[in-house]
Amino acid sequence: MAKAKSAKPKSAAKTARERQVRAAGRAALRDPEHVARHARRAVAEGAAASLSRFSLRNQMLLSVQAEQMGITLTDVDTYKGWARRGRKPARPRDYLLVTVPKRSSRKATDRQDDPEADDQDEEDGPRAYFMGKRWDISQTVEFDADDLAEDPTLGDCRGCDAHARQPCEPGCSCFACTGTEDAANQAPAEVLWNTLQNDITRAGYRFQWPGDADVLAWRAVHVDHETQTVHVGLFAAGSPDGLAALAVAAAEVLTQRKPTGSRPVAALSA
C-alpha cells in the first residue's frame, strides 16, 4: 500500500507571518474604534458585499493587513474566484490571510474558495483551521491576451464550462452556485447585518431586534452580559453608525470583555 504524502512543512517566515496576522487581528477586534471604522468602510459606497460575508474575526484580519499594505478593501476573493471573474492577482505573493475551518469532507482547495469560510472553529485547537489566501480587487488585473493564449479555458467554470465573467448555466453544480448564498444583489449593509447577527448568536448570545426600548434608552445597541442578550435599536440596521455600533457589540461578545453588570454600546462618531 502506498504511503500517504505528508503535508509540506511551513517555512519559519510563513509561520511567523501567520502568527503576527492573528495577533494583530485579535488586537483589532478588541479596539472599538478600529471595529467601528472598518464597519463604516465595509458599507461605504463602492464596497462589495463579499467583504461583509466574512466573520467579524476574519474581517479584522483583512482590515489590519490592508492597512499595513496601504490598500482599501472593497471586494475580496480567492485566486480561483478572481479567475472566474476574468482577473488574476497582479502580485500573487502579496496576499491577504484569513482563517478557514478544516472540514474532512471537503478538499482544501474548495474550502479556500468558500467565501463563507471563517474562523469559527479557531478556539477548538491549533489544528482546527488553516490560513487561506485572498486578494482584494485592487490587487488584481484582468487576464491579458498571453494568459488566454496559454490557456483558453482560464477562469471558465468547472461545473458547466461557462466562460469567465459569464453567468453559469441553469442548474450548474459548481460550489459558487450551490454552496453559498448569492450575495451579488444584496447591499453590503444587509450582508454585514446578517453576519454580525450570526456572530453574536454563535457566541451563545441572544440577538433581540428591535430591542427593549427601556433597556436601550435611546442607544443604538446595548450588550447585557448578565442575560447574554444584545439589544438592537429599531433603526440600527439602516445607518452606518448603527452598524458600527452593532459591530462593536459583536466584537465585545466575541472577545468576552465582560464589565461589571451590563454595558451600553453607543454608535461611535466618525
C-alpha atoms as a PDB file:
ATOM      1  CA  MET A   1       0.000   0.000   0.000  1.00  0.00           C
ATOM      2  CA  ALA A   2       1.375   3.368  -0.988  1.00  0.00           C
ATOM      3  CA  LYS A   3       2.122   5.720   1.846  1.00  0.00           C
ATOM      4  CA  ALA A   4       0.087   8.895   2.088  1.00  0.00           C
ATOM      5  CA  LYS A   5       2.029  12.010   1.205  1.00  0.00           C
ATOM      6  CA  SER A   6       2.840  14.130   4.214  1.00  0.00           C
ATOM      7  CA  ALA A   7       1.984  17.806   4.200  1.00  0.00           C
ATOM      8  CA  LYS A   8       4.808  20.122   3.211  1.00  0.00           C
ATOM      9  CA  PRO A   9       6.116  21.852   6.347  1.00  0.00           C
ATOM     10  CA  LYS A  10       5.633  25.587   6.559  1.00  0.00           C
ATOM     11  CA  SER A  11       8.623  27.860   6.370  1.00  0.00           C
ATOM     12  CA  ALA A  12       9.585  29.750   9.520  1.00  0.00           C
ATOM     13  CA  ALA A  13       8.815  33.056   7.799  1.00  0.00           C
ATOM     14  CA  LYS A  14       5.332  31.907   6.771  1.00  0.00           C
ATOM     15  CA  THR A  15       4.558  30.628  10.253  1.00  0.00           C
ATOM     16  CA  ALA A  16       5.798  33.870  11.791  1.00  0.00           C
ATOM     17  CA  ARG A  17       3.653  35.941   9.430  1.00  0.00           C
ATOM     18  CA  GLU A  18       0.546  33.923  10.254  1.00  0.00           C
ATOM     19  CA  ARG A  19       1.150  34.405  13.977  1.00  0.00           C
ATOM     20  CA  GLN A  20       1.651  38.136  13.507  1.00  0.00           C
ATOM     21  CA  VAL A  21      -1.530  38.446  11.456  1.00  0.00           C
ATOM     22  CA  ARG A  22      -3.604  36.538  14.008  1.00  0.00           C
ATOM     23  CA  ALA A  23      -2.203  38.621  16.869  1.00  0.00           C
ATOM     24  CA  ALA A  24      -2.935  41.863  15.004  1.00  0.00           C
ATOM     25  CA  GLY A  25      -6.453  40.650  14.209  1.00  0.00           C
ATOM     26  CA  ARG A  26      -7.152  39.844  17.855  1.00  0.00           C
ATOM     27  CA  ALA A  27      -5.883  43.262  18.887  1.00  0.00           C
ATOM     28  CA  ALA A  28      -8.080  44.965  16.282  1.00  0.00           C
ATOM     29  CA  LEU A  29     -11.113  43.009  17.491  1.00  0.00           C
ATOM     30  CA  ARG A  30     -10.534  44.460  20.963  1.00  0.00           C
ATOM     31  CA  ASP A  31     -10.258  48.012  19.617  1.00  0.00           C
ATOM     32  CA  PRO A  32     -13.765  49.551  19.353  1.00  0.00           C
ATOM     33  CA  GLU A  33     -12.549  52.427  17.182  1.00  0.00           C
ATOM     34  CA  HIS A  34     -10.920  50.059  14.693  1.00  0.00           C
ATOM     35  CA  VAL A  35     -14.002  47.833  14.573  1.00  0.00           C
ATOM     36  CA  ALA A  36     -16.335  50.797  14.016  1.00  0.00           C
ATOM     37  CA  ARG A  37     -14.058  52.335  11.391  1.00  0.00           C
ATOM     38  CA  HIS A  38     -13.939  49.074   9.481  1.00  0.00           C
ATOM     39  CA  ALA A  39     -17.721  48.599   9.647  1.00  0.00           C
ATOM     40  CA  ARG A  40     -18.310  52.026   8.128  1.00  0.00           C
ATOM     41  CA  ARG A  41     -15.860  51.303   5.321  1.00  0.00           C
ATOM     42  CA  ALA A  42     -17.481  47.923   4.656  1.00  0.00           C
ATOM     43  CA  VAL A  43     -20.842  49.571   3.909  1.00  0.00           C
ATOM     44  CA  ALA A  44     -19.488  52.692   2.207  1.00  0.00           C
ATOM     45  CA  GLU A  45     -20.236  53.464  -1.420  1.00  0.00           C
ATOM     46  CA  GLY A  46     -18.171  51.278  -3.713  1.00  0.00           C
ATOM     47  CA  ALA A  47     -17.744  48.413  -1.242  1.00  0.00           C
ATOM     48  CA  ALA A  48     -18.885  44.949  -2.342  1.00  0.00           C
ATOM     49  CA  ALA A  49     -20.927  42.531  -0.264  1.00  0.00           C
ATOM     50  CA  SER A  50     -18.150  39.914  -0.477  1.00  0.00           C
ATOM     51  CA  LEU A  51     -16.191  41.613   2.305  1.00  0.00           C
ATOM     52  CA  SER A  52     -19.110  41.642   4.752  1.00  0.00           C
ATOM     53  CA  ARG A  53     -19.745  37.925   4.291  1.00  0.00           C
ATOM     54  CA  PHE A  54     -16.632  37.032   6.274  1.00  0.00           C
ATOM     55  CA  SER A  55     -16.973  36.606  10.021  1.00  0.00           C
ATOM     56  CA  LEU A  56     -16.066  39.690  12.038  1.00  0.00           C
ATOM     57  CA  ARG A  57     -12.870  37.971  13.214  1.00  0.00           C
ATOM     58  CA  ASN A  58     -11.793  37.450   9.615  1.00  0.00           C
ATOM     59  CA  GLN A  59     -12.846  40.970   8.676  1.00  0.00           C
ATOM     60  CA  MET A  60     -10.468  42.241  11.348  1.00  0.00           C
ATOM     61  CA  LEU A  61      -7.682  40.066   9.936  1.00  0.00           C
ATOM     62  CA  LEU A  62      -8.314  41.501   6.486  1.00  0.00           C
ATOM     63  CA  SER A  63      -8.596  45.042   7.813  1.00  0.00           C
ATOM     64  CA  VAL A  64      -5.267  45.106   9.658  1.00  0.00           C
ATOM     65  CA  GLN A  65      -3.429  43.547   6.716  1.00  0.00           C
ATOM     66  CA  ALA A  66      -4.983  46.008   4.279  1.00  0.00           C
ATOM     67  CA  GLU A  67      -3.914  48.939   6.440  1.00  0.00           C
ATOM     68  CA  GLN A  68      -0.385  47.554   6.619  1.00  0.00           C
ATOM     69  CA  MET A  69      -0.312  47.189   2.817  1.00  0.00           C
ATOM     70  CA  GLY A  70      -1.846  50.608   2.228  1.00  0.00           C
ATOM     71  CA  ILE A  71      -4.899  49.348   0.349  1.00  0.00           C
ATOM     72  CA  THR A  72      -8.616  49.970   0.836  1.00  0.00           C
ATOM     73  CA  LEU A  73     -10.712  46.810   0.968  1.00  0.00           C
ATOM     74  CA  THR A  74     -13.678  46.797  -1.392  1.00  0.00           C
ATOM     75  CA  ASP A  75     -14.072  43.308  -2.919  1.00  0.00           C
ATOM     76  CA  VAL A  76     -12.227  40.196  -1.712  1.00  0.00           C
ATOM     77  CA  ASP A  77     -11.972  36.787  -3.389  1.00  0.00           C
ATOM     78  CA  THR A  78      -9.769  33.715  -3.806  1.00  0.00           C
ATOM     79  CA  TYR A  79      -7.395  33.068  -6.699  1.00  0.00           C
ATOM     80  CA  LYS A  80      -9.934  30.787  -8.364  1.00  0.00           C
ATOM     81  CA  GLY A  81     -12.714  33.228  -7.561  1.00  0.00           C
ATOM     82  CA  TRP A  82     -10.921  36.048  -9.363  1.00  0.00           C
ATOM     83  CA  ALA A  83     -10.099  33.755 -12.282  1.00  0.00           C
ATOM     84  CA  ARG A  84     -13.799  33.004 -12.552  1.00  0.00           C
ATOM     85  CA  ARG A  85     -14.334  36.754 -12.904  1.00  0.00           C
ATOM     86  CA  GLY A  86     -11.646  37.170 -15.552  1.00  0.00           C
ATOM     87  CA  ARG A  87      -8.974  38.556 -13.232  1.00  0.00           C
ATOM     88  CA  LYS A  88      -5.771  37.414 -11.541  1.00  0.00           C
ATOM     89  CA  PRO A  89      -3.580  38.744  -8.700  1.00  0.00           C
ATOM     90  CA  ALA A  90      -1.034  41.202 -10.056  1.00  0.00           C
ATOM     91  CA  ARG A  91       1.449  40.016  -7.419  1.00  0.00           C
ATOM     92  CA  PRO A  92       0.322  36.587  -6.130  1.00  0.00           C
ATOM     93  CA  ARG A  93       2.748  36.732  -3.205  1.00  0.00           C
ATOM     94  CA  ASP A  94       1.053  39.859  -1.834  1.00  0.00           C
ATOM     95  CA  TYR A  95      -1.957  38.009  -0.471  1.00  0.00           C
ATOM     96  CA  LEU A  96      -4.242  38.579   2.494  1.00  0.00           C
ATOM     97  CA  LEU A  97      -4.741  35.825   5.054  1.00  0.00           C
ATOM     98  CA  VAL A  98      -7.988  34.604   6.615  1.00  0.00           C
ATOM     99  CA  THR A  99      -8.669  31.619   8.851  1.00  0.00           C
ATOM    100  CA  VAL A 100     -10.594  28.745   7.303  1.00  0.00           C
ATOM    101  CA  PRO A 101     -12.025  25.776   9.243  1.00  0.00           C
ATOM    102  CA  LYS A 102     -10.752  22.345   8.362  1.00  0.00           C
ATOM    103  CA  ARG A 103     -13.514  20.049   7.187  1.00  0.00           C
ATOM    104  CA  SER A 104     -12.613  16.477   6.338  1.00  0.00           C
ATOM    105  CA  SER A 105     -15.455  16.188   3.842  1.00  0.00           C
ATOM    106  CA  ARG A 106     -14.163  18.943   1.557  1.00  0.00           C
ATOM    107  CA  LYS A 107     -10.874  19.388  -0.250  1.00  0.00           C
ATOM    108  CA  ALA A 108      -8.615  22.203   0.889  1.00  0.00           C
ATOM    109  CA  THR A 109      -8.930  23.969  -2.460  1.00  0.00           C
ATOM    110  CA  ASP A 110     -12.715  24.003  -2.122  1.00  0.00           C
ATOM    111  CA  ARG A 111     -12.505  25.348   1.419  1.00  0.00           C
ATOM    112  CA  GLN A 112     -10.308  28.210   0.247  1.00  0.00           C
ATOM    113  CA  ASP A 113     -12.901  29.074  -2.394  1.00  0.00           C
ATOM    114  CA  ASP A 114     -15.700  29.256   0.188  1.00  0.00           C
ATOM    115  CA  PRO A 115     -16.487  32.952   0.814  1.00  0.00           C
ATOM    116  CA  GLU A 116     -18.402  31.880   3.914  1.00  0.00           C
ATOM    117  CA  ALA A 117     -15.368  30.106   5.386  1.00  0.00           C
ATOM    118  CA  ASP A 118     -14.317  31.813   8.585  1.00  0.00           C
ATOM    119  CA  ASP A 119     -12.588  31.107  11.852  1.00  0.00           C
ATOM    120  CA  GLN A 120     -15.492  29.924  13.990  1.00  0.00           C
ATOM    121  CA  ASP A 121     -13.546  26.796  14.930  1.00  0.00           C
ATOM    122  CA  GLU A 122     -10.369  28.650  15.899  1.00  0.00           C
ATOM    123  CA  GLU A 123     -10.915  28.134  19.624  1.00  0.00           C
ATOM    124  CA  ASP A 124     -11.215  24.349  19.188  1.00  0.00           C
ATOM    125  CA  GLY A 125      -7.480  23.950  18.836  1.00  0.00           C
ATOM    126  CA  PRO A 126      -4.464  24.758  16.683  1.00  0.00           C
ATOM    127  CA  ARG A 127      -5.332  22.072  14.115  1.00  0.00           C
ATOM    128  CA  ALA A 128      -8.986  23.034  13.682  1.00  0.00           C
ATOM    129  CA  TYR A 129      -8.244  25.617  10.993  1.00  0.00           C
ATOM    130  CA  PHE A 130      -5.678  26.805   8.483  1.00  0.00           C
ATOM    131  CA  MET A 131      -4.831  30.117   6.864  1.00  0.00           C
ATOM    132  CA  GLY A 132      -6.284  30.727   3.399  1.00  0.00           C
ATOM    133  CA  LYS A 133      -5.230  33.304   0.806  1.00  0.00           C
ATOM    134  CA  ARG A 134      -7.404  36.129  -0.501  1.00  0.00           C
ATOM    135  CA  TRP A 135      -6.838  39.192  -2.695  1.00  0.00           C
ATOM    136  CA  ASP A 136      -8.694  42.487  -2.899  1.00  0.00           C
ATOM    137  CA  ILE A 137      -9.762  43.661  -6.347  1.00  0.00           C
ATOM    138  CA  SER A 138      -7.224  46.482  -6.103  1.00  0.00           C
ATOM    139  CA  GLN A 139      -4.527  43.775  -6.082  1.00  0.00           C
ATOM    140  CA  THR A 140      -5.757  42.164  -9.307  1.00  0.00           C
ATOM    141  CA  VAL A 141      -5.609  42.803 -13.054  1.00  0.00           C
ATOM    142  CA  GLU A 142      -7.643  41.453 -15.959  1.00  0.00           C
ATOM    143  CA  PHE A 143      -6.398  38.472 -17.926  1.00  0.00           C
ATOM    144  CA  ASP A 144      -4.355  39.563 -20.927  1.00  0.00           C
ATOM    145  CA  ALA A 145      -4.039  38.012 -24.368  1.00  0.00           C
ATOM    146  CA  ASP A 146      -0.981  35.985 -23.342  1.00  0.00           C
ATOM    147  CA  ASP A 147      -2.862  34.449 -20.412  1.00  0.00           C
ATOM    148  CA  LEU A 148      -5.765  33.381 -22.626  1.00  0.00           C
ATOM    149  CA  ALA A 149      -3.470  32.181 -25.409  1.00  0.00           C
ATOM    150  CA  GLU A 150      -1.697  29.911 -22.949  1.00  0.00           C
ATOM    151  CA  ASP A 151      -4.978  28.573 -21.515  1.00  0.00           C
ATOM    152  CA  PRO A 152      -8.201  29.477 -23.416  1.00  0.00           C
ATOM    153  CA  THR A 153     -10.293  27.962 -20.592  1.00  0.00           C
ATOM    154  CA  LEU A 154      -8.732  30.175 -17.922  1.00  0.00           C
ATOM    155  CA  GLY A 155     -11.431  31.230 -15.470  1.00  0.00           C
ATOM    156  CA  ASP A 156     -14.084  29.005 -17.022  1.00  0.00           C
ATOM    157  CA  CYS A 157     -16.499  27.332 -14.633  1.00  0.00           C
ATOM    158  CA  ARG A 158     -15.519  23.733 -13.908  1.00  0.00           C
ATOM    159  CA  GLY A 159     -19.140  22.786 -13.335  1.00  0.00           C
ATOM    160  CA  CYS A 160     -20.817  23.934 -16.561  1.00  0.00           C
ATOM    161  CA  ASP A 161     -17.911  25.265 -18.695  1.00  0.00           C
ATOM    162  CA  ALA A 162     -19.347  28.788 -18.750  1.00  0.00           C
ATOM    163  CA  HIS A 163     -16.717  31.265 -19.895  1.00  0.00           C
ATOM    164  CA  ALA A 164     -15.048  33.577 -17.416  1.00  0.00           C
ATOM    165  CA  ARG A 165     -17.124  36.649 -16.467  1.00  0.00           C
ATOM    166  CA  GLN A 166     -20.244  34.929 -17.837  1.00  0.00           C
ATOM    167  CA  PRO A 167     -23.062  33.606 -15.616  1.00  0.00           C
ATOM    168  CA  CYS A 168     -23.231  29.884 -15.016  1.00  0.00           C
ATOM    169  CA  GLU A 169     -25.746  27.730 -16.850  1.00  0.00           C
ATOM    170  CA  PRO A 170     -29.037  26.972 -15.034  1.00  0.00           C
ATOM    171  CA  GLY A 171     -28.595  24.007 -12.713  1.00  0.00           C
ATOM    172  CA  CYS A 172     -24.810  24.346 -12.535  1.00  0.00           C
ATOM    173  CA  SER A 173     -23.360  22.239  -9.713  1.00  0.00           C
ATOM    174  CA  CYS A 174     -20.234  24.322  -9.010  1.00  0.00           C
ATOM    175  CA  PHE A 175     -19.621  25.494  -5.457  1.00  0.00           C
ATOM    176  CA  ALA A 176     -20.339  29.119  -6.314  1.00  0.00           C
ATOM    177  CA  CYS A 177     -23.842  28.087  -7.429  1.00  0.00           C
ATOM    178  CA  THR A 178     -24.675  25.517  -4.774  1.00  0.00           C
ATOM    179  CA  GLY A 179     -22.541  26.148  -1.693  1.00  0.00           C
ATOM    180  CA  THR A 180     -23.165  29.777  -0.801  1.00  0.00           C
ATOM    181  CA  GLU A 181     -25.944  32.280  -0.640  1.00  0.00           C
ATOM    182  CA  ASP A 182     -25.822  34.586  -3.656  1.00  0.00           C
ATOM    183  CA  ALA A 183     -24.923  37.986  -2.273  1.00  0.00           C
ATOM    184  CA  ALA A 184     -24.423  39.654  -5.637  1.00  0.00           C
ATOM    185  CA  ASN A 185     -27.712  41.523  -5.402  1.00  0.00           C
ATOM    186  CA  GLN A 186     -27.559  42.183  -1.666  1.00  0.00           C
ATOM    187  CA  ALA A 187     -26.483  45.509  -0.248  1.00  0.00           C
ATOM    188  CA  PRO A 188     -23.280  45.336   1.840  1.00  0.00           C
ATOM    189  CA  ALA A 189     -25.195  46.756   4.820  1.00  0.00           C
ATOM    190  CA  GLU A 190     -27.689  43.887   4.672  1.00  0.00           C
ATOM    191  CA  VAL A 191     -24.925  41.285   4.436  1.00  0.00           C
ATOM    192  CA  LEU A 192     -22.954  42.846   7.302  1.00  0.00           C
ATOM    193  CA  TRP A 193     -26.101  42.938   9.459  1.00  0.00           C
ATOM    194  CA  ASN A 194     -26.658  39.209   8.875  1.00  0.00           C
ATOM    195  CA  THR A 195     -23.006  38.375   9.512  1.00  0.00           C
ATOM    196  CA  LEU A 196     -22.927  40.239  12.831  1.00  0.00           C
ATOM    197  CA  GLN A 197     -26.180  38.638  13.906  1.00  0.00           C
ATOM    198  CA  ASN A 198     -24.719  35.204  13.144  1.00  0.00           C
ATOM    199  CA  ASP A 199     -21.514  36.014  15.032  1.00  0.00           C
ATOM    200  CA  ILE A 200     -23.494  37.068  18.099  1.00  0.00           C
ATOM    201  CA  THR A 201     -25.811  34.060  18.138  1.00  0.00           C
ATOM    202  CA  ARG A 202     -22.947  31.624  17.506  1.00  0.00           C
ATOM    203  CA  ALA A 203     -21.264  33.033  20.589  1.00  0.00           C
ATOM    204  CA  GLY A 204     -24.308  31.996  22.627  1.00  0.00           C
ATOM    205  CA  TYR A 205     -25.924  35.424  22.971  1.00  0.00           C
ATOM    206  CA  ARG A 206     -29.489  36.294  22.067  1.00  0.00           C
ATOM    207  CA  PHE A 207     -29.955  38.864  19.320  1.00  0.00           C
ATOM    208  CA  GLN A 208     -33.013  40.979  20.089  1.00  0.00           C
ATOM    209  CA  TRP A 209     -34.208  43.309  17.367  1.00  0.00           C
ATOM    210  CA  PRO A 210     -35.906  45.558  17.956  1.00  0.00           C
ATOM    211  CA  GLY A 211     -34.513  45.624  21.463  1.00  0.00           C
ATOM    212  CA  ASP A 212     -36.267  46.661  24.637  1.00  0.00           C
ATOM    213  CA  ALA A 213     -36.745  50.448  24.420  1.00  0.00           C
ATOM    214  CA  ASP A 214     -36.370  50.875  28.174  1.00  0.00           C
ATOM    215  CA  VAL A 215     -33.108  48.945  28.144  1.00  0.00           C
ATOM    216  CA  LEU A 216     -31.762  50.787  25.118  1.00  0.00           C
ATOM    217  CA  ALA A 217     -32.621  54.228  26.484  1.00  0.00           C
ATOM    218  CA  TRP A 218     -32.114  55.791  23.004  1.00  0.00           C
ATOM    219  CA  ARG A 219     -28.845  53.966  22.426  1.00  0.00           C
ATOM    220  CA  ALA A 220     -28.196  52.169  19.158  1.00  0.00           C
ATOM    221  CA  VAL A 221     -27.078  48.910  20.797  1.00  0.00           C
ATOM    222  CA  HIS A 222     -26.861  47.599  24.343  1.00  0.00           C
ATOM    223  CA  VAL A 223     -24.925  44.499  25.438  1.00  0.00           C
ATOM    224  CA  ASP A 224     -26.195  42.781  28.586  1.00  0.00           C
ATOM    225  CA  HIS A 225     -23.734  40.130  29.649  1.00  0.00           C
ATOM    226  CA  GLU A 226     -25.838  39.012  32.609  1.00  0.00           C
ATOM    227  CA  THR A 227     -28.723  37.894  30.376  1.00  0.00           C
ATOM    228  CA  GLN A 228     -26.452  37.283  27.375  1.00  0.00           C
ATOM    229  CA  THR A 229     -28.631  39.489  25.215  1.00  0.00           C
ATOM    230  CA  VAL A 230     -27.717  42.100  22.634  1.00  0.00           C
ATOM    231  CA  HIS A 231     -30.498  44.686  22.350  1.00  0.00           C
ATOM    232  CA  VAL A 232     -30.502  46.431  18.983  1.00  0.00           C
ATOM    233  CA  GLY A 233     -32.355  49.637  18.190  1.00  0.00           C
ATOM    234  CA  LEU A 234     -35.063  49.599  15.554  1.00  0.00           C
ATOM    235  CA  PHE A 235     -33.193  51.878  13.140  1.00  0.00           C
ATOM    236  CA  ALA A 236     -29.684  50.496  13.711  1.00  0.00           C
ATOM    237  CA  ALA A 237     -29.857  48.396  10.539  1.00  0.00           C
ATOM    238  CA  GLY A 238     -30.407  51.411   8.323  1.00  0.00           C
ATOM    239  CA  SER A 239     -27.401  53.551   9.202  1.00  0.00           C
ATOM    240  CA  PRO A 240     -23.603  53.213   9.080  1.00  0.00           C
ATOM    241  CA  ASP A 241     -23.397  54.417  12.696  1.00  0.00           C
ATOM    242  CA  GLY A 242     -25.909  51.788  13.777  1.00  0.00           C
ATOM    243  CA  LEU A 243     -23.977  49.038  12.023  1.00  0.00           C
ATOM    244  CA  ALA A 244     -20.742  50.350  13.510  1.00  0.00           C
ATOM    245  CA  ALA A 245     -22.298  50.121  16.971  1.00  0.00           C
ATOM    246  CA  LEU A 246     -23.518  46.602  16.246  1.00  0.00           C
ATOM    247  CA  ALA A 247     -20.038  45.587  15.075  1.00  0.00           C
ATOM    248  CA  VAL A 248     -18.533  46.944  18.308  1.00  0.00           C
ATOM    249  CA  ALA A 249     -21.118  44.975  20.296  1.00  0.00           C
ATOM    250  CA  ALA A 250     -20.363  41.794  18.335  1.00  0.00           C
ATOM    251  CA  ALA A 251     -16.641  42.276  18.947  1.00  0.00           C
ATOM    252  CA  GLU A 252     -17.307  42.683  22.675  1.00  0.00           C
ATOM    253  CA  VAL A 253     -19.296  39.466  22.699  1.00  0.00           C
ATOM    254  CA  LEU A 254     -16.653  37.569  20.715  1.00  0.00           C
ATOM    255  CA  THR A 255     -13.811  38.702  22.957  1.00  0.00           C
ATOM    256  CA  GLN A 256     -15.919  38.224  26.103  1.00  0.00           C
ATOM    257  CA  ARG A 257     -14.876  41.540  27.598  1.00  0.00           C
ATOM    258  CA  LYS A 258     -17.319  41.486  30.486  1.00  0.00           C
ATOM    259  CA  PRO A 259     -17.636  44.696  32.521  1.00  0.00           C
ATOM    260  CA  THR A 260     -19.485  44.757  35.834  1.00  0.00           C
ATOM    261  CA  GLY A 261     -23.192  44.310  35.167  1.00  0.00           C
ATOM    262  CA  SER A 262     -24.164  45.370  31.654  1.00  0.00           C
ATOM    263  CA  ARG A 263     -22.609  47.912  29.374  1.00  0.00           C
ATOM    264  CA  PRO A 264     -24.301  50.105  26.753  1.00  0.00           C
ATOM    265  CA  VAL A 265     -22.588  50.347  23.392  1.00  0.00           C
ATOM    266  CA  ALA A 266     -23.474  53.557  21.581  1.00  0.00           C
ATOM    267  CA  ALA A 267     -22.775  54.338  17.974  1.00  0.00           C
ATOM    268  CA  LEU A 268     -19.305  55.843  17.690  1.00  0.00           C
ATOM    269  CA  SER A 269     -18.865  59.153  15.966  1.00  0.00           C
ATOM    270  CA  ALA A 270     -16.929  59.246  12.720  1.00  0.00           C
END
